N, C-alpha and C. Protein backbone atom coordinates (compact mmCIF):
# COMPACT_ATOMS: atom_id res chain seq x y z
N MET A 1 0.82 -1.20 0.00
CA MET A 1 0.00 0.00 0.00
C MET A 1 0.86 1.26 0.00
N LYS A 2 2.16 1.07 0.07
CA LYS A 2 3.10 2.20 0.04
C LYS A 2 2.77 3.24 1.09
N MET A 3 2.58 2.75 2.32
CA MET A 3 2.30 3.67 3.43
C MET A 3 3.03 3.17 4.66
N SER A 4 3.26 4.09 5.57
CA SER A 4 3.87 3.77 6.85
C SER A 4 2.75 3.41 7.82
N TYR A 5 3.01 2.48 8.70
CA TYR A 5 2.03 2.15 9.74
C TYR A 5 2.43 2.79 11.07
N MET A 6 3.39 3.72 10.99
CA MET A 6 3.78 4.53 12.15
C MET A 6 3.19 5.92 11.95
N VAL A 7 2.41 6.36 12.90
CA VAL A 7 1.75 7.66 12.82
C VAL A 7 2.79 8.78 12.73
N GLY A 8 2.63 9.63 11.72
CA GLY A 8 3.51 10.78 11.57
C GLY A 8 4.76 10.51 10.77
N TYR A 9 4.95 9.29 10.29
CA TYR A 9 6.17 8.95 9.55
C TYR A 9 5.85 8.80 8.07
N GLY A 10 6.49 9.58 7.24
CA GLY A 10 6.32 9.48 5.80
C GLY A 10 5.17 10.35 5.29
N ASP A 11 4.87 10.17 4.02
CA ASP A 11 3.81 10.95 3.38
C ASP A 11 2.43 10.36 3.62
N ARG A 12 2.35 9.05 3.77
CA ARG A 12 1.07 8.36 4.01
C ARG A 12 1.20 7.53 5.28
N TYR A 13 0.33 7.81 6.23
CA TYR A 13 0.32 7.06 7.49
C TYR A 13 -1.10 7.09 8.05
N PRO A 14 -1.42 6.23 9.02
CA PRO A 14 -2.77 6.18 9.58
C PRO A 14 -3.20 7.53 10.16
N GLN A 15 -4.40 7.94 9.82
CA GLN A 15 -4.96 9.20 10.30
C GLN A 15 -6.08 8.99 11.32
N ARG A 16 -6.64 7.78 11.36
CA ARG A 16 -7.80 7.49 12.21
C ARG A 16 -7.51 6.27 13.07
N ILE A 17 -6.61 6.43 14.03
CA ILE A 17 -6.24 5.29 14.85
C ILE A 17 -7.24 5.10 16.00
N HIS A 18 -7.32 3.88 16.45
CA HIS A 18 -8.24 3.51 17.54
C HIS A 18 -7.54 3.82 18.87
N HIS A 19 -7.62 5.08 19.28
CA HIS A 19 -6.97 5.53 20.51
C HIS A 19 -7.76 6.71 21.04
N ARG A 20 -8.29 6.57 22.23
CA ARG A 20 -9.19 7.59 22.78
C ARG A 20 -8.56 8.98 22.84
N GLY A 21 -7.38 9.09 23.40
CA GLY A 21 -6.74 10.39 23.54
C GLY A 21 -6.43 11.05 22.21
N SER A 22 -6.17 10.25 21.21
CA SER A 22 -5.86 10.78 19.89
C SER A 22 -7.10 11.18 19.11
N SER A 23 -8.20 10.47 19.35
CA SER A 23 -9.41 10.72 18.56
C SER A 23 -10.34 11.79 19.15
N LEU A 24 -10.11 12.18 20.40
CA LEU A 24 -10.94 13.22 21.03
C LEU A 24 -10.27 14.58 20.88
N PRO A 25 -11.06 15.64 20.89
CA PRO A 25 -10.45 16.98 20.83
C PRO A 25 -9.66 17.28 22.10
N SER A 26 -8.69 18.15 21.98
CA SER A 26 -7.89 18.51 23.14
C SER A 26 -8.73 19.33 24.13
N ILE A 27 -8.27 19.42 25.36
CA ILE A 27 -8.97 20.19 26.38
C ILE A 27 -8.99 21.67 26.00
N LYS A 28 -8.01 22.11 25.22
CA LYS A 28 -7.98 23.50 24.74
C LYS A 28 -9.17 23.76 23.81
N ASP A 29 -9.48 22.80 22.95
CA ASP A 29 -10.59 22.94 22.00
C ASP A 29 -11.94 22.56 22.58
N HIS A 30 -11.92 21.74 23.64
CA HIS A 30 -13.18 21.27 24.26
C HIS A 30 -12.98 21.25 25.78
N PRO A 31 -13.02 22.43 26.43
CA PRO A 31 -12.72 22.49 27.87
C PRO A 31 -13.80 21.89 28.77
N GLU A 32 -15.00 21.66 28.25
CA GLU A 32 -16.06 21.09 29.08
C GLU A 32 -15.77 19.63 29.39
N ARG A 33 -16.32 19.17 30.51
CA ARG A 33 -16.17 17.76 30.90
C ARG A 33 -16.76 16.87 29.82
N MET A 34 -16.10 15.77 29.57
CA MET A 34 -16.58 14.84 28.56
C MET A 34 -16.78 13.48 29.22
N ALA A 35 -18.02 13.05 29.33
CA ALA A 35 -18.33 11.74 29.91
C ALA A 35 -17.97 10.65 28.90
N CYS A 36 -17.96 9.43 29.34
CA CYS A 36 -17.54 8.31 28.51
C CYS A 36 -18.27 8.26 27.17
N LYS A 37 -19.56 8.32 27.18
CA LYS A 37 -20.34 8.21 25.94
C LYS A 37 -20.26 9.47 25.07
N ASP A 38 -19.76 10.57 25.62
CA ASP A 38 -19.64 11.81 24.84
C ASP A 38 -18.61 11.69 23.72
N GLY A 39 -17.76 10.70 23.79
CA GLY A 39 -16.75 10.51 22.76
C GLY A 39 -17.26 9.80 21.52
N THR A 40 -18.46 9.25 21.58
CA THR A 40 -18.99 8.46 20.47
C THR A 40 -19.02 9.22 19.14
N PRO A 41 -19.47 10.48 19.10
CA PRO A 41 -19.46 11.17 17.79
C PRO A 41 -18.05 11.30 17.19
N TYR A 42 -17.05 11.43 18.03
CA TYR A 42 -15.67 11.52 17.55
C TYR A 42 -15.19 10.16 17.05
N TYR A 43 -15.57 9.12 17.79
CA TYR A 43 -15.21 7.75 17.41
C TYR A 43 -15.84 7.39 16.06
N ASP A 44 -17.09 7.78 15.87
CA ASP A 44 -17.82 7.46 14.65
C ASP A 44 -17.45 8.36 13.47
N SER A 45 -16.74 9.43 13.71
CA SER A 45 -16.38 10.39 12.66
C SER A 45 -15.38 9.78 11.67
N SER A 46 -15.49 10.21 10.43
CA SER A 46 -14.51 9.78 9.43
C SER A 46 -13.36 10.78 9.30
N SER A 47 -13.40 11.83 10.12
CA SER A 47 -12.33 12.84 10.10
C SER A 47 -11.05 12.27 10.72
N PRO A 48 -9.90 12.77 10.31
CA PRO A 48 -8.64 12.34 10.95
C PRO A 48 -8.65 12.69 12.44
N ASN A 49 -7.89 11.94 13.22
CA ASN A 49 -7.80 12.21 14.65
C ASN A 49 -7.23 13.61 14.87
N PRO A 50 -7.85 14.39 15.78
CA PRO A 50 -7.37 15.75 16.01
C PRO A 50 -6.04 15.82 16.76
N ASN A 51 -5.67 14.76 17.46
CA ASN A 51 -4.42 14.72 18.23
C ASN A 51 -3.58 13.53 17.77
N PRO A 52 -2.81 13.70 16.70
CA PRO A 52 -2.03 12.56 16.19
C PRO A 52 -1.09 12.01 17.26
N LEU A 53 -1.06 10.71 17.37
CA LEU A 53 -0.20 10.02 18.32
C LEU A 53 1.10 9.67 17.59
N VAL A 54 1.91 10.69 17.34
CA VAL A 54 3.11 10.55 16.52
C VAL A 54 4.04 9.49 17.12
N GLY A 55 4.46 8.57 16.27
CA GLY A 55 5.37 7.50 16.67
C GLY A 55 4.67 6.19 16.99
N ALA A 56 3.36 6.22 17.18
CA ALA A 56 2.63 4.99 17.47
C ALA A 56 2.55 4.12 16.22
N ILE A 57 2.69 2.84 16.39
CA ILE A 57 2.58 1.90 15.28
C ILE A 57 1.28 1.13 15.44
N VAL A 58 0.49 1.10 14.38
CA VAL A 58 -0.79 0.40 14.40
C VAL A 58 -0.59 -1.05 13.94
N GLY A 59 -1.65 -1.83 14.04
CA GLY A 59 -1.60 -3.24 13.66
C GLY A 59 -1.26 -3.47 12.19
N GLY A 60 -1.65 -2.54 11.34
CA GLY A 60 -1.31 -2.64 9.92
C GLY A 60 -2.33 -3.40 9.11
N PRO A 61 -1.95 -3.76 7.91
CA PRO A 61 -2.91 -4.37 7.00
C PRO A 61 -3.30 -5.79 7.43
N GLY A 62 -4.41 -6.25 6.89
CA GLY A 62 -4.84 -7.61 7.16
C GLY A 62 -4.18 -8.58 6.20
N GLU A 63 -4.63 -9.82 6.23
CA GLU A 63 -4.05 -10.85 5.35
C GLU A 63 -4.22 -10.52 3.88
N ASP A 64 -5.22 -9.69 3.57
CA ASP A 64 -5.46 -9.29 2.18
C ASP A 64 -4.62 -8.08 1.78
N ASP A 65 -3.74 -7.64 2.68
CA ASP A 65 -2.86 -6.48 2.48
C ASP A 65 -3.63 -5.18 2.33
N ALA A 66 -4.83 -5.12 2.90
CA ALA A 66 -5.65 -3.91 2.84
C ALA A 66 -5.67 -3.22 4.20
N TYR A 67 -5.65 -1.91 4.17
CA TYR A 67 -5.74 -1.10 5.38
C TYR A 67 -6.71 0.04 5.10
N GLY A 68 -7.88 0.02 5.73
CA GLY A 68 -8.91 1.01 5.45
C GLY A 68 -8.81 2.29 6.25
N ASP A 69 -7.85 2.39 7.17
CA ASP A 69 -7.69 3.57 8.02
C ASP A 69 -9.01 3.94 8.70
N ASP A 70 -9.57 2.96 9.37
CA ASP A 70 -10.86 3.09 10.05
C ASP A 70 -10.67 2.81 11.53
N ARG A 71 -10.92 3.81 12.39
CA ARG A 71 -10.66 3.62 13.81
C ARG A 71 -11.53 2.53 14.43
N ALA A 72 -12.67 2.22 13.81
CA ALA A 72 -13.53 1.15 14.33
C ALA A 72 -12.91 -0.24 14.10
N ASP A 73 -12.00 -0.35 13.15
CA ASP A 73 -11.33 -1.62 12.87
C ASP A 73 -10.09 -1.71 13.77
N TYR A 74 -10.35 -1.95 15.06
CA TYR A 74 -9.27 -1.88 16.05
C TYR A 74 -8.15 -2.87 15.81
N ARG A 75 -8.44 -4.00 15.19
CA ARG A 75 -7.37 -4.98 14.95
C ARG A 75 -6.27 -4.41 14.07
N LYS A 76 -6.65 -3.53 13.18
CA LYS A 76 -5.68 -2.93 12.26
C LYS A 76 -5.23 -1.54 12.70
N SER A 77 -6.11 -0.81 13.41
CA SER A 77 -5.83 0.60 13.67
C SER A 77 -5.45 0.94 15.11
N GLU A 78 -5.35 -0.05 15.98
CA GLU A 78 -5.02 0.25 17.38
C GLU A 78 -3.52 0.13 17.63
N PRO A 79 -2.91 1.15 18.24
CA PRO A 79 -1.51 1.04 18.63
C PRO A 79 -1.45 0.33 19.98
N THR A 80 -0.81 -0.83 20.03
CA THR A 80 -0.77 -1.61 21.26
C THR A 80 0.67 -1.78 21.74
N THR A 81 0.83 -2.16 23.00
CA THR A 81 2.17 -2.35 23.53
C THR A 81 2.88 -3.51 22.85
N TYR A 82 2.16 -4.58 22.51
CA TYR A 82 2.83 -5.72 21.89
C TYR A 82 3.27 -5.44 20.45
N ILE A 83 2.74 -4.38 19.85
CA ILE A 83 3.19 -3.97 18.52
C ILE A 83 4.34 -2.96 18.66
N ASN A 84 4.23 -2.03 19.58
CA ASN A 84 5.21 -0.96 19.72
C ASN A 84 6.46 -1.36 20.50
N ALA A 85 6.32 -2.23 21.49
CA ALA A 85 7.45 -2.59 22.36
C ALA A 85 8.62 -3.22 21.61
N PRO A 86 8.41 -4.15 20.67
CA PRO A 86 9.58 -4.71 19.98
C PRO A 86 10.40 -3.67 19.23
N LEU A 87 9.73 -2.71 18.59
CA LEU A 87 10.47 -1.66 17.88
C LEU A 87 11.27 -0.81 18.86
N VAL A 88 10.67 -0.45 19.97
CA VAL A 88 11.37 0.34 20.98
C VAL A 88 12.57 -0.44 21.50
N GLY A 89 12.39 -1.74 21.71
CA GLY A 89 13.50 -2.58 22.17
C GLY A 89 14.65 -2.62 21.19
N VAL A 90 14.34 -2.78 19.92
CA VAL A 90 15.39 -2.81 18.89
C VAL A 90 16.09 -1.46 18.80
N LEU A 91 15.33 -0.38 18.82
CA LEU A 91 15.95 0.95 18.77
C LEU A 91 16.81 1.21 20.00
N ALA A 92 16.36 0.76 21.16
CA ALA A 92 17.16 0.92 22.38
C ALA A 92 18.47 0.14 22.26
N TYR A 93 18.41 -1.04 21.68
CA TYR A 93 19.63 -1.83 21.48
C TYR A 93 20.63 -1.06 20.62
N PHE A 94 20.15 -0.49 19.51
CA PHE A 94 21.05 0.23 18.62
C PHE A 94 21.62 1.49 19.27
N VAL A 95 20.85 2.15 20.12
CA VAL A 95 21.38 3.31 20.84
C VAL A 95 22.49 2.86 21.79
N GLY A 96 22.28 1.73 22.43
CA GLY A 96 23.28 1.21 23.37
C GLY A 96 24.46 0.56 22.70
N ASN A 97 24.32 0.20 21.44
CA ASN A 97 25.38 -0.47 20.67
C ASN A 97 25.54 0.21 19.32
N PRO A 98 26.10 1.42 19.31
CA PRO A 98 26.18 2.18 18.05
C PRO A 98 27.06 1.55 16.98
N ASN A 99 27.96 0.67 17.36
CA ASN A 99 28.84 -0.02 16.39
C ASN A 99 28.64 -1.53 16.52
N PRO A 100 27.51 -2.07 16.05
CA PRO A 100 27.21 -3.48 16.29
C PRO A 100 28.22 -4.44 15.66
N GLY A 101 28.95 -4.02 14.63
CA GLY A 101 29.96 -4.86 14.02
C GLY A 101 31.27 -4.88 14.79
N HIS A 102 31.43 -3.95 15.71
CA HIS A 102 32.65 -3.83 16.50
C HIS A 102 32.59 -4.82 17.67
N ILE A 103 33.61 -5.64 17.79
CA ILE A 103 33.66 -6.63 18.88
C ILE A 103 34.35 -6.02 20.08
N ARG A 104 33.67 -6.07 21.22
CA ARG A 104 34.26 -5.54 22.45
C ARG A 104 35.07 -6.63 23.15
N HIS A 105 36.22 -6.25 23.69
CA HIS A 105 37.05 -7.21 24.45
C HIS A 105 37.06 -6.86 25.90
């Protein structure tokens, strides 16, 4: 699909992720209290999330290699710890080992 599954990375990336904080307006734009069910219109909206969760990785495409960028399709659009943690672990390794080909004695 020639897109990134990391929010904010590249020219094409998920705009409608299944994440409450990302899909609701900020307190600056909506200072009134918002009860649990008050988020439903935002959840059901086809508009991009108003608060992009930059760096989050979503589940990605299905077996058919399709990604509809639909926040209701949580299997594909939800950023989870089991998806994001391995990448963070690998990046942490490279930060701690900047010369992986160099053998330490």
